[in-house]
């Protein structure tokens, strides 16, 4: 596995595991618990030790699955991220959400706690001061945001006194290249890690037939998924969290690590997907 430094004394694997849809979507679903716990454990065994979840995934059940899956591992070997929902950003609500996540995860702390979405109805100052309190109390080692623009990140950082944000988690992939324009350069200047969710574009980059993607995959003897993920993790300051359940998909994702697209092929992929809409 390859790693990125996310903060002083902390590193994160370039590939982790997303858990959206595990344990249900907007309500708990226990019908696949065994399969989902097994997937989380296999991800860890393969070196993808960053597990990303959120309090709203499966109305908390995804966190419960993660908590069950990680019991047999040394906590210090894992990097656990969870997120607070946008309706819980007032002081008391956020602290209650933080403690609820820790209870469901059955852990004393998380490595990274993110504001899942901005909420203009709650003063960002109140939210950030409470996030910083969570660091001071040892509930989380690090804090960050998700789906925040550069403007909102700058405002959020202005309200922090004893620590700083370390990450912004956003949708980023060959199809959705928006973060490349302003957000990623800002993150690099500010020592923030960009965590790419939907790195395979809801699976479109695996399912579609695209001549350039297929040509480059064949050139490197890689799959479409491996090329699409490598396109992300070859960029400075970017890590990815593909969601996968099947052992074959998890192992295939791991094949994105340990090699690099040439500059020419990286540029060609970037330009062709930027200039064309993905073929239906």
Protein backbone atom coordinates (compact mmCIF):
# COMPACT_ATOMS: atom_id res chain seq x y z
CA UNK A 1 0.00 0.00 0.00
CA UNK A 2 1.04 3.59 -0.61
CA UNK A 3 0.38 6.31 1.95
CA UNK A 4 -0.08 10.07 2.14
CA UNK A 5 0.78 12.22 5.11
CA UNK A 6 -2.49 13.78 6.27
CA UNK A 7 -1.17 15.56 9.37
CA UNK A 8 1.90 15.61 11.56
CA UNK A 9 2.32 12.05 12.82
CA UNK A 10 -0.60 10.70 10.80
CA UNK A 11 -0.74 9.01 7.42
CA UNK A 12 -3.56 7.61 5.32
CA UNK A 13 -3.53 4.90 2.64
CA UNK A 14 -4.12 6.18 -0.89
CA UNK A 15 -6.96 3.68 -1.22
CA UNK A 16 -9.55 3.13 1.48
CA UNK A 17 -13.07 1.74 1.63
CA UNK A 18 -16.28 3.73 1.35
CA UNK A 19 -19.32 2.32 3.15
CA UNK A 20 -22.26 4.27 1.70
CA UNK A 21 -25.03 1.72 1.13
CA UNK A 22 -23.68 -0.76 3.65
CA UNK A 23 -26.21 -1.40 6.39
CA UNK A 24 -28.89 0.31 4.33
CA UNK A 25 -29.18 3.77 2.84
CA UNK A 26 -31.55 6.05 4.75
CA UNK A 27 -32.78 3.30 7.08
CA UNK A 28 -31.08 0.25 8.62
CA UNK A 29 -30.96 -2.92 6.53
CA UNK A 30 -29.44 -5.95 8.25
CA UNK A 31 -29.99 -8.41 5.40
CA UNK A 32 -26.35 -8.34 4.23
CA UNK A 33 -24.53 -7.74 7.50
CA UNK A 34 -22.30 -10.80 7.21
CA UNK A 35 -21.21 -9.99 3.67
CA UNK A 36 -20.57 -6.34 4.52
CA UNK A 37 -18.55 -7.10 7.66
CA UNK A 38 -16.49 -9.58 5.64
CA UNK A 39 -15.84 -6.92 2.98
CA UNK A 40 -14.60 -4.42 5.57
CA UNK A 41 -12.28 -7.03 7.06
CA UNK A 42 -10.92 -8.06 3.66
CA UNK A 43 -10.29 -4.40 2.82
CA UNK A 44 -8.21 -4.09 5.98
CA UNK A 45 -6.37 -7.34 5.28
CA UNK A 46 -5.48 -6.03 1.80
CA UNK A 47 -3.99 -2.86 3.30
CA UNK A 48 -6.94 -0.55 2.64
CA UNK A 49 -7.07 0.37 6.32
CA UNK A 50 -8.89 3.69 5.86
CA UNK A 51 -12.58 2.95 6.46
CA UNK A 52 -14.94 5.84 5.71
CA UNK A 53 -18.46 5.93 7.10
CA UNK A 54 -21.04 8.41 8.42
CA UNK A 55 -23.78 8.67 11.01
CA UNK A 56 -26.44 8.92 8.30
CA UNK A 57 -25.39 5.78 6.39
CA UNK A 58 -28.08 3.25 7.14
CA UNK A 59 -29.24 5.59 9.92
CA UNK A 60 -26.16 4.59 11.90
CA UNK A 61 -26.07 0.91 11.01
CA UNK A 62 -23.02 1.32 8.73
CA UNK A 63 -21.08 2.56 11.76
CA UNK A 64 -22.25 -0.48 13.72
CA UNK A 65 -20.99 -2.77 10.96
CA UNK A 66 -17.61 -1.00 10.95
CA UNK A 67 -17.45 -1.30 14.73
CA UNK A 68 -18.09 -5.03 14.55
CA UNK A 69 -15.63 -5.53 11.69
CA UNK A 70 -12.69 -3.81 13.37
CA UNK A 71 -12.90 -5.56 16.75
CA UNK A 72 -10.25 -8.12 15.85
CA UNK A 73 -7.71 -5.52 14.67
CA UNK A 74 -5.31 -3.32 16.56
CA UNK A 75 -7.00 0.05 16.62
CA UNK A 76 -3.77 1.95 15.97
CA UNK A 77 -3.37 0.12 12.64
CA UNK A 78 -6.63 1.57 11.32
CA UNK A 79 -7.73 4.98 10.09
CA UNK A 80 -11.44 5.46 10.77
CA UNK A 81 -13.34 8.41 9.34
CA UNK A 82 -16.95 9.28 10.11
CA UNK A 83 -19.13 12.28 9.39
CA UNK A 84 -21.71 14.40 11.19
CA UNK A 85 -24.93 15.11 9.26
CA UNK A 86 -25.86 18.67 8.35
CA UNK A 87 -28.84 18.74 10.73
CA UNK A 88 -26.54 18.14 13.71
CA UNK A 89 -24.16 21.08 13.43
CA UNK A 90 -25.24 23.09 16.46
CA UNK A 91 -23.06 22.64 19.54
CA UNK A 92 -25.18 20.24 21.59
CA UNK A 93 -26.38 18.31 18.54
CA UNK A 94 -22.87 17.86 17.22
CA UNK A 95 -21.53 16.59 20.53
CA UNK A 96 -24.43 14.16 20.79
CA UNK A 97 -23.76 12.97 17.22
CA UNK A 98 -20.05 12.54 17.94
CA UNK A 99 -20.72 10.45 21.04
CA UNK A 100 -23.35 8.44 19.19
CA UNK A 101 -20.89 7.62 16.41
CA UNK A 102 -18.24 6.52 18.92
CA UNK A 103 -20.79 4.29 20.62
CA UNK A 104 -21.88 2.64 17.35
CA UNK A 105 -18.27 2.24 16.22
CA UNK A 106 -17.41 0.86 19.66
CA UNK A 107 -14.22 2.89 19.78
CA UNK A 108 -12.82 5.59 22.03
CA UNK A 109 -11.92 7.86 19.15
CA UNK A 110 -12.05 8.30 15.39
CA UNK A 111 -9.07 9.37 13.35
CA UNK A 112 -10.96 11.92 11.25
CA UNK A 113 -14.31 13.59 11.87
CA UNK A 114 -15.90 15.46 8.98
CA UNK A 115 -18.80 17.87 8.58
CA UNK A 116 -20.75 15.91 5.97
CA UNK A 117 -22.44 18.86 4.24
CA UNK A 118 -22.49 22.59 4.97
CA UNK A 119 -25.62 24.03 6.57
CA UNK A 120 -26.16 27.76 6.04
CA UNK A 121 -28.77 27.75 8.84
CA UNK A 122 -26.11 27.05 11.48
CA UNK A 123 -23.25 29.51 12.08
CA UNK A 124 -20.03 27.93 10.87
CA UNK A 125 -18.25 29.47 13.85
CA UNK A 126 -20.38 27.43 16.26
CA UNK A 127 -19.78 24.23 14.29
CA UNK A 128 -16.03 24.70 14.02
CA UNK A 129 -15.61 25.59 17.66
CA UNK A 130 -17.46 22.40 18.57
CA UNK A 131 -15.38 20.34 16.13
CA UNK A 132 -12.26 21.74 17.78
CA UNK A 133 -13.71 20.82 21.17
CA UNK A 134 -14.04 17.23 19.91
CA UNK A 135 -10.30 17.24 19.20
CA UNK A 136 -9.52 18.69 22.63
CA UNK A 137 -11.65 16.02 24.30
CA UNK A 138 -9.94 13.22 22.38
CA UNK A 139 -13.07 12.15 20.52
CA UNK A 140 -11.23 12.58 17.22
CA UNK A 141 -7.59 12.99 16.27
CA UNK A 142 -8.29 15.20 13.26
CA UNK A 143 -11.11 17.22 11.72
CA UNK A 144 -12.15 18.14 8.20
CA UNK A 145 -15.11 18.85 5.97
CA UNK A 146 -16.97 17.27 3.09
CA UNK A 147 -18.61 18.91 0.08
CA UNK A 148 -17.18 22.33 1.02
CA UNK A 149 -16.11 24.96 -1.51
CA UNK A 150 -12.85 26.86 -1.18
CA UNK A 151 -14.76 29.86 0.19
CA UNK A 152 -16.42 27.76 2.90
CA UNK A 153 -13.17 26.01 3.81
CA UNK A 154 -11.48 29.37 4.29
CA UNK A 155 -14.34 30.58 6.48
CA UNK A 156 -14.28 27.37 8.50
CA UNK A 157 -10.53 27.59 9.05
CA UNK A 158 -10.84 31.20 10.24
CA UNK A 159 -12.85 30.00 13.24
CA UNK A 160 -10.26 27.45 14.42
CA UNK A 161 -7.67 28.46 16.99
CA UNK A 162 -5.77 25.40 18.23
CA UNK A 163 -5.96 23.10 15.21
CA UNK A 164 -6.69 23.17 11.48
CA UNK A 165 -8.72 21.22 8.97
CA UNK A 166 -6.81 18.39 7.30
CA UNK A 167 -9.17 17.24 4.52
CA UNK A 168 -12.09 17.96 2.23
CA UNK A 169 -14.02 14.96 0.96
CA UNK A 170 -15.69 15.57 -2.40
CA UNK A 171 -16.86 13.74 -5.49
CA UNK A 172 -13.90 13.48 -7.84
CA UNK A 173 -13.27 11.13 -10.75
CA UNK A 174 -12.55 11.13 -14.47
CA UNK A 175 -16.14 12.08 -15.22
CA UNK A 176 -16.47 14.70 -12.47
CA UNK A 177 -13.25 16.73 -12.71
CA UNK A 178 -14.56 19.93 -11.12
CA UNK A 179 -12.24 19.81 -8.08
CA UNK A 180 -9.20 19.94 -10.38
CA UNK A 181 -9.90 23.56 -11.29
CA UNK A 182 -9.87 25.40 -7.95
CA UNK A 183 -10.34 23.07 -5.00
CA UNK A 184 -7.38 20.74 -5.51
CA UNK A 185 -4.83 23.53 -6.05
CA UNK A 186 -6.16 25.21 -2.90
CA UNK A 187 -5.90 21.97 -0.92
CA UNK A 188 -2.29 21.55 -2.03
CA UNK A 189 -1.38 25.10 -1.03
CA UNK A 190 -3.08 24.61 2.33
CA UNK A 191 -1.82 21.09 3.14
CA UNK A 192 -5.31 19.63 2.98
CA UNK A 193 -5.87 16.12 1.64
CA UNK A 194 -8.59 15.74 -0.98
CA UNK A 195 -10.54 12.53 -0.30
CA UNK A 196 -12.29 11.44 -3.49
CA UNK A 197 -15.64 9.75 -3.08
CA UNK A 198 -17.40 8.06 -6.01
CA UNK A 199 -13.94 7.61 -7.55
CA UNK A 200 -15.44 5.25 -10.14
CA UNK A 201 -18.39 7.53 -10.92
CA UNK A 202 -21.13 5.34 -9.42
CA UNK A 203 -19.61 2.43 -11.31
CA UNK A 204 -19.91 4.09 -14.72
CA UNK A 205 -16.15 3.95 -15.25
CA UNK A 206 -16.28 0.18 -14.88
CA UNK A 207 -19.40 -0.45 -16.94
CA UNK A 208 -18.94 1.95 -19.83
CA UNK A 209 -17.14 1.25 -23.06
CA UNK A 210 -14.78 4.13 -23.72
CA UNK A 211 -12.13 3.70 -26.44
CA UNK A 212 -9.38 5.75 -24.78
CA UNK A 213 -9.91 4.26 -21.31
CA UNK A 214 -9.98 0.77 -22.78
CA UNK A 215 -6.88 1.43 -24.88
CA UNK A 216 -4.88 2.69 -21.90
CA UNK A 217 -6.10 -0.17 -19.70
CA UNK A 218 -4.88 -2.63 -22.32
CA UNK A 219 -1.55 -0.81 -22.62
CA UNK A 220 -0.83 -1.22 -18.91
CA UNK A 221 -2.50 -4.65 -18.62
CA UNK A 222 -4.88 -3.15 -16.08
CA UNK A 223 -8.65 -3.00 -15.66
CA UNK A 224 -10.75 0.12 -16.23
CA UNK A 225 -11.20 0.49 -12.47
CA UNK A 226 -7.46 0.26 -11.84
CA UNK A 227 -6.70 2.93 -14.44
CA UNK A 228 -9.46 5.25 -13.17
CA UNK A 229 -8.27 4.90 -9.57
CA UNK A 230 -4.62 5.33 -10.55
CA UNK A 231 -5.56 8.55 -12.34
CA UNK A 232 -6.73 9.85 -8.95
CA UNK A 233 -4.03 8.57 -6.62
CA UNK A 234 -1.24 9.64 -8.95
CA UNK A 235 -2.24 13.23 -8.17
CA UNK A 236 -0.48 14.97 -5.31
CA UNK A 237 -2.63 15.23 -2.21
CA UNK A 238 -5.43 12.91 -3.40
CA UNK A 239 -6.69 9.67 -1.85
CA UNK A 240 -9.74 7.65 -2.86
CA UNK A 241 -12.41 5.63 -1.07
CA UNK A 242 -14.10 3.28 -3.55
CA UNK A 243 -17.00 1.28 -2.15
CA UNK A 244 -16.79 -2.44 -2.88
CA UNK A 245 -18.40 -5.55 -1.43
CA UNK A 246 -17.26 -8.45 -3.56
CA UNK A 247 -13.81 -9.90 -2.85
CA UNK A 248 -12.95 -9.75 -6.55
CA UNK A 249 -13.74 -6.03 -6.72
CA UNK A 250 -11.71 -5.27 -3.58
CA UNK A 251 -8.71 -7.14 -4.94
CA UNK A 252 -9.12 -5.49 -8.31
CA UNK A 253 -9.11 -2.03 -6.70
CA UNK A 254 -5.84 -2.84 -4.97
CA UNK A 255 -4.29 -3.28 -8.42
CA UNK A 256 -4.45 0.52 -8.80
CA UNK A 257 -1.51 0.83 -6.39
CA UNK A 258 2.19 0.41 -7.09
CA UNK A 259 2.45 1.90 -10.58
CA UNK A 260 1.77 5.18 -12.34
CA UNK A 261 0.26 6.33 -15.58
CA UNK A 262 2.73 8.20 -17.73
CA UNK A 263 2.30 11.97 -17.86
CA UNK A 264 1.13 11.65 -21.45
CA UNK A 265 -1.52 9.05 -20.64
CA UNK A 266 -2.66 10.97 -17.55
CA UNK A 267 -3.08 14.11 -19.65
CA UNK A 268 -4.84 12.23 -22.44
CA UNK A 269 -7.38 10.70 -20.08
CA UNK A 270 -7.96 14.03 -18.38
CA UNK A 271 -8.54 15.88 -21.63
CA UNK A 272 -10.72 13.29 -23.35
CA UNK A 273 -13.09 12.97 -20.39
CA UNK A 274 -13.15 16.73 -19.91
CA UNK A 275 -13.99 17.42 -23.53
CA UNK A 276 -16.56 14.66 -24.02
CA UNK A 277 -19.57 13.57 -22.10
CA UNK A 278 -19.26 9.90 -21.21
CA UNK A 279 -20.79 7.80 -24.01
CA UNK A 280 -24.15 6.26 -23.15
